[in-house]
Amino acid sequence: MESKNRKTFFMFLMAFLVAFFIVSFVEVLRSSFFPSGAPEIPTAAAVSSSETTPGSFSDLAERVKPAVVNISTTKTFKGRSGLGKPFGRSPFSGHFGDDFFERFFGDIPQREFKQRSLGSGFIISNDGYIFTNNHVVEQTDKIMVKVSDGKEYEAKIIGTDAKTDIALIKIKPDNSLPFVDIGDSDAIRVGEWVIAIGNPFGLEQTVTAGIVSAKGRVIGAGAYDNFIQTDASINPGNSGGPLFNMAGKVIGINTAIVAQGQGIGFAIPVNMAKSILADLKTKGKVTRGWLGISVQDISEDIAKNLNHKNKNGALVSDVFKDDPADKAGIKVGDIIVEINGKSIKDTHELLLTIASLHVGEKVLIKGLRDGKEISFQVVVTERKDKPEIALTKKSKGYFGIAAQEITKEIAQQLGIARDTGVIVTDVEEGSPADDVGIQPQDIIVQVNKVKVASMKQYTTEMNKAAEKKGVILLVKRGKSNFFVGLHIE
């Protein structure tokens, strides 16, 4: 028995010594690779949960929800309800004509129909000013606002701006209202947590959470697109509601969704709303700055032919006579690269910058002309809505462009001067001109920045361009001018 106990003791001792040796060996290896003071790789458990996902949005939601409102609107329109079909159309309209059925059934009286819709908004002052989307309240007969305590008030429109889809409305509350803190949308970063509050599908005070997916999105809504993209769920009825950061400050106005995709919503940066608030309050509309130029982005071909080192900037394609840019000396072909110290990357950035300028303000514009730096002081005037200008491109004898003199008849038909340039008559399929979209009836005004008033001048300049295998044309289409770069291999 004693012999058996001694054997067990020695086995235990050996196991202990082996374990001690293994632990010591591992420690030596660890010290070799991770000497004292060297940073260790953190494990998943070592990362604080507060640095990844917030533990709860509840406290934030409870704090900010009282300033979010439900907006319901009513729109009245007239139509005929004949033959059981509202909106004034018989089931046979377009086949026999409305006159036939009116003679047969008699004149069908019109009646009123009401269309109701829902949206969201948020209170920005205790006396009842509310931001929402323009599309929520435009062309409505009645706007009702329900606040967090359940009370309803009729609202009136103070100001609207269709270009940014922002509206300011006002209610007369019985007492002081809770209102939001306005944040700085320029300061937000992609990846930050945000929450959206609104009334999707009429479900009041719904809270969704997500992150900022992208900034500066252009989605084709208008010239002033500059949306915040978020994956916080935004649905019909959320329009006009606030997008909050984790500090509880509004950084966006929820506006649009992508119907084909989930988790893709867009919000107007709140800084854009702040910049037009004064105009909406005092004038009911927005007064924007105007320089009097048309611009276009710089393609690789245009950059190459202008010896421009990159595609940054906005190329001036037209200067309107007697407008601020014309008076300051800006010319067609100049490249605008900076306004008041802010670099201009492309035409979209230029439009946003100009729109933010105040009427009467003096601005310093820096640009390039023939590769040399130039600068101008321009006094901003008020933008008047002018017709949009189309772009141009084309060639057959040279670069695939066939052209001819502008005859008296052509000049009269198009309402232009005969010495405006040469007119494109045909474009060879698959040619450089066809690739860039030049079309018959486009007017070629300049070839490599040389004005061409006749076919002789046009041919001379295009011969030179053909030798260099590249050309920049200034093209006039309708009331618009634009540059296009062509090259041949």
Protein backbone atom coordinates (compact mmCIF):
# COMPACT_ATOMS: atom_id res chain seq x y z
CA MET A 1 0.00 0.00 0.00
CA GLU A 2 2.85 2.36 0.95
CA SER A 3 4.58 1.51 -2.33
CA LYS A 4 1.41 2.37 -4.26
CA ASN A 5 1.04 5.75 -2.51
CA ARG A 6 4.67 6.58 -3.20
CA LYS A 7 4.16 5.76 -6.87
CA THR A 8 1.08 8.04 -7.04
CA PHE A 9 2.99 10.86 -5.36
CA PHE A 10 5.85 10.64 -7.85
CA MET A 11 3.41 10.64 -10.79
CA PHE A 12 1.69 13.75 -9.45
CA LEU A 13 5.07 15.43 -8.91
CA MET A 14 6.17 14.65 -12.47
CA ALA A 15 2.92 16.03 -13.90
CA PHE A 16 3.37 19.24 -11.89
CA LEU A 17 6.97 19.66 -13.07
CA VAL A 18 5.97 19.10 -16.72
CA ALA A 19 3.14 21.68 -16.42
CA PHE A 20 5.49 24.17 -14.76
CA PHE A 21 8.04 23.67 -17.52
CA ILE A 22 5.44 24.25 -20.26
CA VAL A 23 4.13 27.42 -18.62
CA SER A 24 7.67 28.77 -18.14
CA PHE A 25 8.56 27.98 -21.75
CA VAL A 26 5.46 29.80 -23.06
CA GLU A 27 6.27 32.82 -20.91
CA VAL A 28 9.81 32.95 -22.31
CA LEU A 29 8.44 32.86 -25.84
CA ARG A 30 5.87 35.59 -25.05
CA SER A 31 8.59 37.81 -23.56
CA SER A 32 10.73 37.34 -26.65
CA PHE A 33 8.00 38.43 -29.06
CA PHE A 34 6.21 40.95 -26.79
CA PRO A 35 8.85 42.62 -24.58
CA SER A 36 7.74 44.69 -21.59
CA GLY A 37 6.04 47.92 -22.64
CA ALA A 38 5.19 46.76 -26.19
CA PRO A 39 1.51 47.04 -27.17
CA GLU A 40 -0.48 43.85 -27.20
CA ILE A 41 -3.18 43.04 -29.74
CA PRO A 42 -6.53 43.58 -28.02
CA THR A 43 -9.01 40.76 -28.04
CA ALA A 44 -12.68 41.24 -28.88
CA ALA A 45 -13.48 41.15 -25.18
CA ALA A 46 -10.99 43.96 -24.54
CA VAL A 47 -12.83 46.40 -26.83
CA SER A 48 -15.35 48.47 -24.94
CA SER A 49 -18.89 48.09 -26.21
CA SER A 50 -19.28 51.88 -25.94
CA GLU A 51 -16.75 52.23 -28.75
CA THR A 52 -18.78 50.08 -31.14
CA THR A 53 -22.56 50.08 -30.85
CA PRO A 54 -24.49 52.27 -28.39
CA GLY A 55 -26.05 50.21 -25.63
CA SER A 56 -29.44 51.87 -26.12
CA PHE A 57 -31.08 54.67 -28.08
CA SER A 58 -33.93 54.93 -25.57
CA ASP A 59 -32.72 57.91 -23.55
CA LEU A 60 -31.88 59.89 -26.69
CA ALA A 61 -35.23 59.07 -28.32
CA GLU A 62 -37.21 60.09 -25.22
CA ARG A 63 -35.34 63.38 -25.05
CA VAL A 64 -35.85 64.47 -28.67
CA LYS A 65 -39.23 62.95 -29.62
CA PRO A 66 -41.34 65.78 -28.09
CA ALA A 67 -40.06 68.20 -30.75
CA VAL A 68 -41.06 65.94 -33.68
CA VAL A 69 -44.52 66.53 -35.18
CA ASN A 70 -46.99 64.73 -37.41
CA ILE A 71 -48.17 66.69 -40.46
CA SER A 72 -51.37 65.84 -42.33
CA THR A 73 -52.44 67.74 -45.42
CA THR A 74 -55.58 68.00 -47.51
CA LYS A 75 -55.72 68.94 -51.16
CA THR A 76 -58.98 69.58 -53.02
CA PHE A 77 -59.37 69.21 -56.75
CA LYS A 78 -62.33 69.06 -59.12
CA GLY A 79 -63.34 66.35 -61.54
CA ARG A 80 -66.34 64.62 -63.08
CA SER A 81 -67.74 61.47 -61.57
CA GLY A 82 -69.70 60.45 -64.66
CA LEU A 83 -70.30 56.77 -65.38
CA GLY A 84 -69.06 55.94 -61.91
CA LYS A 85 -65.52 57.03 -62.79
CA PRO A 86 -64.04 59.87 -60.74
CA PHE A 87 -61.47 62.35 -62.06
CA GLY A 88 -63.76 63.31 -64.97
CA ARG A 89 -62.86 60.59 -67.50
CA SER A 90 -65.28 58.06 -68.96
CA PRO A 91 -63.98 54.55 -69.61
CA PHE A 92 -64.24 55.28 -73.33
CA SER A 93 -62.39 58.60 -73.32
CA GLY A 94 -59.91 58.83 -76.13
CA HIS A 95 -61.79 56.29 -78.27
CA PHE A 96 -64.97 58.16 -79.25
CA GLY A 97 -64.21 61.53 -77.68
CA ASP A 98 -65.73 63.19 -74.65
CA ASP A 99 -68.16 65.21 -76.78
CA PHE A 100 -69.94 62.04 -77.94
CA PHE A 101 -70.68 60.89 -74.37
CA GLU A 102 -71.62 64.36 -73.20
CA ARG A 103 -74.23 64.54 -75.97
CA PHE A 104 -75.46 61.04 -75.17
CA PHE A 105 -75.53 61.20 -71.35
CA GLY A 106 -75.78 64.97 -70.94
CA ASP A 107 -73.23 67.28 -69.40
CA ILE A 108 -71.78 65.47 -66.37
CA PRO A 109 -71.36 67.90 -63.46
CA GLN A 110 -67.99 68.32 -61.74
CA ARG A 111 -67.55 67.51 -58.10
CA GLU A 112 -64.81 68.04 -55.55
CA PHE A 113 -62.42 65.31 -54.42
CA LYS A 114 -60.09 65.49 -51.44
CA GLN A 115 -56.65 63.96 -51.32
CA ARG A 116 -55.01 63.44 -47.94
CA SER A 117 -51.37 62.73 -47.20
CA LEU A 118 -49.05 62.47 -44.22
CA GLY A 119 -45.57 63.71 -43.44
CA SER A 120 -43.32 64.74 -40.58
CA GLY A 121 -41.58 67.85 -39.30
CA PHE A 122 -39.70 69.23 -36.32
CA ILE A 123 -40.13 72.33 -34.17
CA ILE A 124 -37.20 74.76 -34.30
CA SER A 125 -38.49 77.43 -31.87
CA ASN A 126 -40.85 77.46 -28.87
CA ASP A 127 -43.29 79.78 -30.67
CA GLY A 128 -44.13 77.18 -33.32
CA TYR A 129 -41.82 77.46 -36.34
CA ILE A 130 -41.42 74.06 -38.00
CA PHE A 131 -39.11 72.71 -40.70
CA THR A 132 -40.42 70.10 -43.13
CA ASN A 133 -40.14 69.19 -46.82
CA ASN A 134 -41.61 71.40 -49.49
CA HIS A 135 -43.20 68.39 -51.20
CA VAL A 136 -45.11 67.61 -47.98
CA VAL A 137 -46.99 70.93 -47.94
CA GLU A 138 -46.94 72.31 -51.49
CA GLN A 139 -50.27 72.96 -53.24
CA THR A 140 -52.29 71.98 -50.21
CA ASP A 141 -55.51 73.56 -48.96
CA LYS A 142 -55.08 72.71 -45.30
CA ILE A 143 -52.14 71.70 -43.10
CA MET A 144 -52.71 70.18 -39.67
CA VAL A 145 -49.89 69.63 -37.19
CA LYS A 146 -50.14 67.22 -34.26
CA VAL A 147 -47.61 67.83 -31.48
CA SER A 148 -46.32 65.34 -28.92
CA ASP A 149 -49.09 65.94 -26.36
CA GLY A 150 -51.74 65.05 -28.94
CA LYS A 151 -52.98 68.60 -29.60
CA GLU A 152 -53.61 69.58 -33.20
CA TYR A 153 -53.09 73.00 -34.75
CA GLU A 154 -53.68 74.36 -38.22
CA ALA A 155 -50.45 75.58 -39.79
CA LYS A 156 -49.69 78.21 -42.38
CA ILE A 157 -46.82 78.22 -44.84
CA ILE A 158 -44.21 80.89 -44.08
CA GLY A 159 -41.79 80.10 -46.89
CA THR A 160 -40.88 77.36 -49.35
CA ASP A 161 -37.96 76.49 -51.58
CA ALA A 162 -38.67 73.84 -54.20
CA LYS A 163 -35.03 73.72 -55.35
CA THR A 164 -33.87 72.32 -52.00
CA ASP A 165 -37.26 70.79 -51.04
CA ILE A 166 -37.37 72.73 -47.75
CA ALA A 167 -40.41 74.46 -46.25
CA LEU A 168 -40.96 76.56 -43.13
CA ILE A 169 -44.44 76.43 -41.58
CA LYS A 170 -45.88 78.00 -38.41
CA ILE A 171 -48.50 77.10 -35.81
CA LYS A 172 -49.89 79.18 -32.94
CA PRO A 173 -49.51 76.96 -29.87
CA ASP A 174 -51.35 77.38 -26.58
CA ASN A 175 -48.07 77.39 -24.69
CA SER A 176 -44.30 77.20 -25.16
CA LEU A 177 -43.27 74.18 -27.25
CA PRO A 178 -40.24 71.89 -26.97
CA PHE A 179 -37.85 72.40 -29.87
CA VAL A 180 -34.78 70.71 -31.33
CA ASP A 181 -31.13 71.66 -31.13
CA ILE A 182 -29.71 72.34 -34.60
CA GLY A 183 -26.35 70.69 -35.23
CA ASP A 184 -23.59 71.11 -37.82
CA SER A 185 -24.09 68.78 -40.78
CA ASP A 186 -20.66 69.66 -42.19
CA ALA A 187 -19.03 68.13 -39.10
CA ILE A 188 -20.63 64.68 -39.35
CA ARG A 189 -18.49 61.79 -40.49
CA VAL A 190 -19.32 58.70 -42.51
CA GLY A 191 -19.91 55.84 -40.07
CA GLU A 192 -21.45 57.96 -37.29
CA TRP A 193 -24.61 56.66 -35.62
CA VAL A 194 -27.84 58.55 -36.32
CA ILE A 195 -31.53 58.10 -35.54
CA ALA A 196 -34.52 59.12 -37.67
CA ILE A 197 -37.87 59.98 -36.13
CA GLY A 198 -41.09 60.41 -38.06
CA ASN A 199 -44.46 59.01 -39.01
CA PRO A 200 -43.90 56.31 -41.65
CA PHE A 201 -47.19 55.03 -43.08
CA GLY A 202 -49.01 57.18 -40.50
CA LEU A 203 -47.41 55.36 -37.53
CA GLU A 204 -46.59 58.25 -35.22
CA GLN A 205 -43.29 58.80 -33.42
CA THR A 206 -41.42 55.89 -35.00
CA VAL A 207 -37.69 55.70 -34.23
CA THR A 208 -35.15 53.99 -36.50
CA ALA A 209 -31.36 53.89 -36.15
CA GLY A 210 -28.42 53.45 -38.49
CA ILE A 211 -25.23 55.12 -39.59
CA VAL A 212 -24.23 57.85 -42.02
CA SER A 213 -23.40 55.84 -45.14
CA ALA A 214 -22.12 58.70 -47.30
CA LYS A 215 -22.11 62.49 -47.68
CA GLY A 216 -22.55 64.82 -50.64
CA ARG A 217 -24.75 62.43 -52.59
CA VAL A 218 -26.18 63.64 -55.92
CA ILE A 219 -29.37 61.72 -56.73
CA GLY A 220 -30.77 63.80 -59.58
CA ALA A 221 -33.29 65.72 -57.49
CA GLY A 222 -31.99 69.11 -58.66
CA ALA A 223 -29.06 71.46 -59.08
CA TYR A 224 -28.50 71.70 -55.33
CA ASP A 225 -28.28 67.99 -54.54
CA ASN A 226 -26.01 67.45 -51.55
CA PHE A 227 -27.66 64.65 -49.58
CA ILE A 228 -26.61 62.72 -46.50
CA GLN A 229 -27.07 59.00 -47.18
CA THR A 230 -28.10 56.83 -44.24
CA ASP A 231 -29.20 53.25 -43.64
CA ALA A 232 -31.58 54.33 -40.86
CA SER A 233 -34.96 53.20 -42.22
CA ILE A 234 -36.85 56.04 -43.94
CA ASN A 235 -40.28 55.29 -45.38
CA PRO A 236 -43.28 57.19 -46.83
CA GLY A 237 -44.48 59.53 -44.08
CA ASN A 238 -40.93 60.13 -42.78
CA SER A 239 -40.51 63.01 -45.22
CA GLY A 240 -39.68 66.24 -43.41
CA GLY A 241 -38.70 64.51 -40.18
CA PRO A 242 -35.37 65.01 -38.40
CA LEU A 243 -32.18 62.98 -38.55
CA PHE A 244 -30.40 63.25 -35.18
CA ASN A 245 -26.79 62.59 -34.25
CA MET A 246 -25.92 60.89 -30.96
CA ALA A 247 -25.67 64.27 -29.22
CA GLY A 248 -29.38 64.76 -29.92
CA LYS A 249 -28.85 67.51 -32.50
CA VAL A 250 -30.57 67.62 -35.89
CA ILE A 251 -28.09 67.15 -38.71
CA GLY A 252 -30.52 66.42 -41.55
CA ILE A 253 -34.09 66.55 -42.87
CA ASN A 254 -35.28 63.12 -44.06
CA THR A 255 -36.39 63.49 -47.65
CA ALA A 256 -36.04 60.59 -50.07
CA ILE A 257 -35.73 56.85 -50.35
CA VAL A 258 -34.59 54.46 -53.05
CA ALA A 259 -37.63 52.34 -53.80
CA GLN A 260 -35.58 49.52 -55.32
CA GLY A 261 -33.21 49.13 -52.38
CA GLN A 262 -33.42 48.63 -48.65
CA GLY A 263 -31.32 50.64 -46.25
CA ILE A 264 -30.79 53.57 -48.60
CA GLY A 265 -32.33 56.86 -47.48
CA PHE A 266 -31.38 60.47 -48.02
CA ALA A 267 -31.55 63.58 -45.85
CA ILE A 268 -30.98 67.25 -46.66
CA PRO A 269 -28.02 68.58 -44.62
CA VAL A 270 -29.42 70.86 -41.92
CA ASN A 271 -26.78 73.50 -42.72
CA MET A 272 -28.55 74.02 -46.03
CA ALA A 273 -31.80 74.67 -44.17
CA LYS A 274 -30.05 77.05 -41.75
CA SER A 275 -28.58 79.03 -44.64
CA ILE A 276 -32.02 79.80 -46.12
CA LEU A 277 -33.99 80.18 -42.87
CA ALA A 278 -33.76 83.98 -42.81
CA ASP A 279 -35.01 84.28 -46.40
CA LEU A 280 -37.90 81.89 -45.75
CA LYS A 281 -38.95 83.86 -42.65
CA THR A 282 -38.72 87.34 -44.13
CA LYS A 283 -39.42 86.85 -47.85
CA GLY A 284 -41.20 83.52 -48.11
CA LYS A 285 -38.72 82.43 -50.78
CA VAL A 286 -34.97 82.11 -51.27
CA THR A 287 -32.82 84.73 -52.98
CA ARG A 288 -29.75 83.12 -54.55
CA GLY A 289 -26.56 84.53 -55.95
CA TRP A 290 -25.91 84.83 -59.70
CA LEU A 291 -22.67 85.37 -61.60
CA GLY A 292 -24.03 85.14 -65.14
CA ILE A 293 -22.07 82.19 -66.51
CA SER A 294 -22.68 78.68 -67.80
CA VAL A 295 -20.13 76.06 -66.82
CA GLN A 296 -19.35 72.43 -67.49
CA ASP A 297 -17.13 69.71 -66.08
CA ILE A 298 -13.70 69.14 -67.57
CA SER A 299 -13.35 65.84 -69.40
CA GLU A 300 -10.02 64.10 -69.95
CA ASP A 301 -10.01 65.16 -73.61
CA ILE A 302 -10.68 68.79 -72.73
CA ALA A 303 -8.02 68.76 -70.00
CA LYS A 304 -5.50 67.29 -72.42
CA ASN A 305 -6.20 69.84 -75.15
CA LEU A 306 -6.12 72.74 -72.69
CA ASN A 307 -2.92 71.43 -71.08
CA HIS A 308 -4.81 71.37 -67.79
CA LYS A 309 -3.00 69.03 -65.39
CA ASN A 310 -6.19 67.53 -63.92
CA LYS A 311 -9.99 67.64 -64.23
CA ASN A 312 -10.52 69.93 -61.23
CA GLY A 313 -12.41 73.16 -61.75
CA ALA A 314 -15.37 74.36 -63.80
CA LEU A 315 -14.94 75.36 -67.43
CA VAL A 316 -16.80 78.52 -68.46
CA SER A 317 -18.80 77.73 -71.59
CA ASP A 318 -20.85 80.93 -71.77
CA VAL A 319 -20.79 84.41 -70.26
CA PHE A 320 -24.03 86.39 -70.28
CA LYS A 321 -23.67 89.93 -71.50
CA ASP A 322 -23.75 92.69 -68.86
CA ASP A 323 -24.06 90.17 -66.00
CA PRO A 324 -21.53 90.20 -63.10
CA ALA A 325 -18.99 87.81 -64.65
CA ASP A 326 -19.01 89.73 -67.94
CA LYS A 327 -18.43 93.02 -66.12
CA ALA A 328 -15.58 91.51 -64.12
CA GLY A 329 -13.81 90.27 -67.25
CA ILE A 330 -14.41 86.52 -67.11
CA LYS A 331 -14.33 84.95 -70.57
CA VAL A 332 -15.49 81.78 -72.28
CA GLY A 333 -12.76 79.16 -71.86
CA ASP A 334 -11.63 80.29 -68.41
CA ILE A 335 -11.40 77.58 -65.77
CA ILE A 336 -12.72 78.59 -62.32
CA VAL A 337 -10.70 76.82 -59.61
CA GLU A 338 -11.45 78.83 -56.46
CA ILE A 339 -14.12 81.10 -54.95
CA ASN A 340 -13.35 83.07 -51.78
CA GLY A 341 -10.51 80.71 -50.95
CA LYS A 342 -12.59 77.55 -51.42
CA SER A 343 -11.33 75.12 -54.05
CA ILE A 344 -13.83 74.23 -56.78
CA LYS A 345 -13.72 70.58 -57.79
CA ASP A 346 -16.50 70.54 -60.39
CA THR A 347 -19.59 72.36 -61.66
CA HIS A 348 -21.85 70.92 -58.94
CA GLU A 349 -19.59 72.34 -56.24
CA LEU A 350 -19.52 75.67 -58.09
CA LEU A 351 -23.34 75.85 -58.20
CA LEU A 352 -23.64 75.08 -54.47
CA THR A 353 -21.02 77.71 -53.65
CA ILE A 354 -22.60 80.42 -55.79
CA ALA A 355 -26.06 79.65 -54.42
CA SER A 356 -24.80 80.29 -50.89
CA LEU A 357 -23.52 83.78 -51.76
CA HIS A 358 -25.49 86.87 -50.79
CA VAL A 359 -26.75 89.44 -53.26
CA GLY A 360 -24.39 92.44 -53.31
CA GLU A 361 -21.51 90.42 -51.87
CA LYS A 362 -18.04 90.89 -53.42
CA VAL A 363 -16.32 87.60 -54.08
CA LEU A 364 -12.80 86.77 -55.20
CA ILE A 365 -12.71 84.26 -58.04
CA LYS A 366 -9.48 82.60 -59.11
CA GLY A 367 -9.10 80.77 -62.37
CA LEU A 368 -6.85 79.72 -65.22
CA ARG A 369 -6.65 81.22 -68.69
CA ASP A 370 -4.28 79.61 -71.19
CA GLY A 371 -2.51 77.97 -68.25
CA LYS A 372 -1.93 81.24 -66.39
CA GLU A 373 -3.52 82.16 -63.09
CA ILE A 374 -6.08 84.95 -63.17
CA SER A 375 -8.30 86.51 -60.51
CA PHE A 376 -11.45 88.64 -60.51
CA GLN A 377 -13.59 90.49 -58.04
CA VAL A 378 -17.24 89.90 -58.86
CA VAL A 379 -20.29 91.55 -57.30
CA VAL A 380 -23.04 88.96 -56.91
CA THR A 381 -26.52 89.80 -58.18
CA GLU A 382 -29.82 88.02 -57.63
CA ARG A 383 -30.38 84.87 -59.62
CA LYS A 384 -33.33 85.02 -61.97
CA ASP A 385 -34.59 81.69 -63.22
CA LYS A 386 -33.36 81.46 -66.76
CA PRO A 387 -34.06 78.72 -69.25
CA GLU A 388 -31.74 75.76 -69.00
CA ILE A 389 -29.13 75.45 -71.72
CA ALA A 390 -28.52 72.27 -73.69
CA LEU A 391 -25.04 70.95 -74.55
CA THR A 392 -23.51 70.32 -77.98
CA LYS A 393 -20.99 68.20 -79.99
CA LYS A 394 -20.08 66.98 -83.66
CA SER A 395 -18.02 66.59 -87.03
CA LYS A 396 -17.73 64.50 -90.34
CA GLY A 397 -15.01 65.76 -92.64
CA TYR A 398 -12.91 66.38 -89.53
CA PHE A 399 -13.32 64.06 -86.53
CA GLY A 400 -16.53 62.81 -88.17
CA ILE A 401 -18.24 66.21 -88.60
CA ALA A 402 -19.87 67.52 -91.75
CA ALA A 403 -20.51 71.27 -91.58
CA GLN A 404 -21.55 74.16 -93.81
CA GLU A 405 -21.95 77.93 -93.83
CA ILE A 406 -24.97 79.38 -92.05
CA THR A 407 -27.20 80.63 -94.85
CA LYS A 408 -29.63 83.49 -94.57
CA GLU A 409 -32.54 81.02 -94.41
CA ILE A 410 -30.87 78.95 -91.68
CA ALA A 411 -30.07 82.07 -89.67
CA GLN A 412 -33.69 83.24 -89.86
CA GLN A 413 -35.05 79.82 -88.96
CA LEU A 414 -32.74 79.44 -85.93
CA GLY A 415 -32.88 83.10 -84.92
CA ILE A 416 -29.10 83.57 -85.02
CA ALA A 417 -26.59 85.79 -86.82
CA ARG A 418 -24.95 84.41 -89.96
CA ASP A 419 -21.46 85.00 -88.53
CA THR A 420 -22.22 82.96 -85.38
CA GLY A 421 -20.17 79.99 -86.67
CA VAL A 422 -20.74 76.98 -88.90
CA ILE A 423 -23.63 74.55 -88.65
CA VAL A 424 -23.24 70.79 -88.30
CA THR A 425 -25.16 68.98 -91.04
CA ASP A 426 -24.18 65.39 -90.32
CA VAL A 427 -22.16 63.25 -87.90
CA GLU A 428 -20.46 60.04 -88.90
CA GLU A 429 -21.58 57.08 -86.80
CA GLY A 430 -18.86 55.82 -84.48
CA SER A 431 -16.67 58.88 -85.06
CA PRO A 432 -15.05 60.94 -82.27
CA ALA A 433 -17.82 63.52 -82.74
CA ASP A 434 -20.49 60.86 -82.46
CA ASP A 435 -18.84 59.48 -79.31
CA VAL A 436 -19.16 62.82 -77.53
CA GLY A 437 -22.71 63.48 -78.74
CA ILE A 438 -22.41 66.20 -81.37
CA GLN A 439 -25.64 66.49 -83.35
CA PRO A 440 -26.88 67.98 -86.60
CA GLN A 441 -27.95 71.65 -86.19
CA ASP A 442 -25.29 72.23 -83.53
CA ILE A 443 -23.37 75.44 -84.21
CA ILE A 444 -19.57 75.28 -83.94
CA VAL A 445 -18.55 78.68 -82.60
CA GLN A 446 -14.86 78.17 -81.82
CA VAL A 447 -12.13 75.75 -82.85
CA ASN A 448 -9.31 75.55 -80.30
CA LYS A 449 -10.51 78.87 -78.84
CA VAL A 450 -10.38 80.61 -82.24
CA LYS A 451 -13.70 82.07 -83.38
CA VAL A 452 -14.86 80.68 -86.73
CA ALA A 453 -17.38 82.85 -88.56
CA SER A 454 -17.09 81.11 -91.95
CA MET A 455 -16.30 77.73 -93.47
CA LYS A 456 -12.91 79.07 -94.63
CA GLN A 457 -11.91 79.89 -91.04
CA TYR A 458 -13.39 76.62 -89.81
CA THR A 459 -11.44 74.57 -92.38
CA THR A 460 -8.15 76.36 -91.60
CA GLU A 461 -8.43 75.73 -87.87
CA MET A 462 -9.67 72.16 -88.24
CA ASN A 463 -6.70 71.36 -90.52
CA LYS A 464 -4.37 72.48 -87.74
CA ALA A 465 -6.32 70.46 -85.21
CA ALA A 466 -6.24 67.34 -87.40
CA GLU A 467 -2.44 67.51 -87.52
CA LYS A 468 -2.35 67.56 -83.71
CA LYS A 469 -5.00 64.80 -83.62
CA GLY A 470 -7.01 66.73 -81.05
CA VAL A 471 -9.36 69.70 -80.84
CA ILE A 472 -11.59 71.60 -78.44
CA LEU A 473 -14.80 72.94 -79.92
CA LEU A 474 -17.15 75.50 -78.43
CA VAL A 475 -20.59 74.42 -79.52
CA LYS A 476 -23.89 76.27 -79.38
CA ARG A 477 -27.08 74.27 -79.04
CA GLY A 478 -30.29 76.22 -78.60
CA LYS A 479 -29.50 78.90 -76.04
CA SER A 480 -26.58 77.03 -74.47
CA ASN A 481 -22.87 76.92 -75.15
CA PHE A 482 -20.50 74.19 -74.05
CA PHE A 483 -17.04 72.85 -74.80
CA VAL A 484 -16.25 69.40 -76.07
CA GLY A 485 -12.90 67.71 -76.60
CA LEU A 486 -12.26 65.40 -79.56
CA HIS A 487 -9.22 63.33 -80.43
CA ILE A 488 -8.20 60.69 -82.96
CA GLU A 489 -5.75 57.87 -82.34
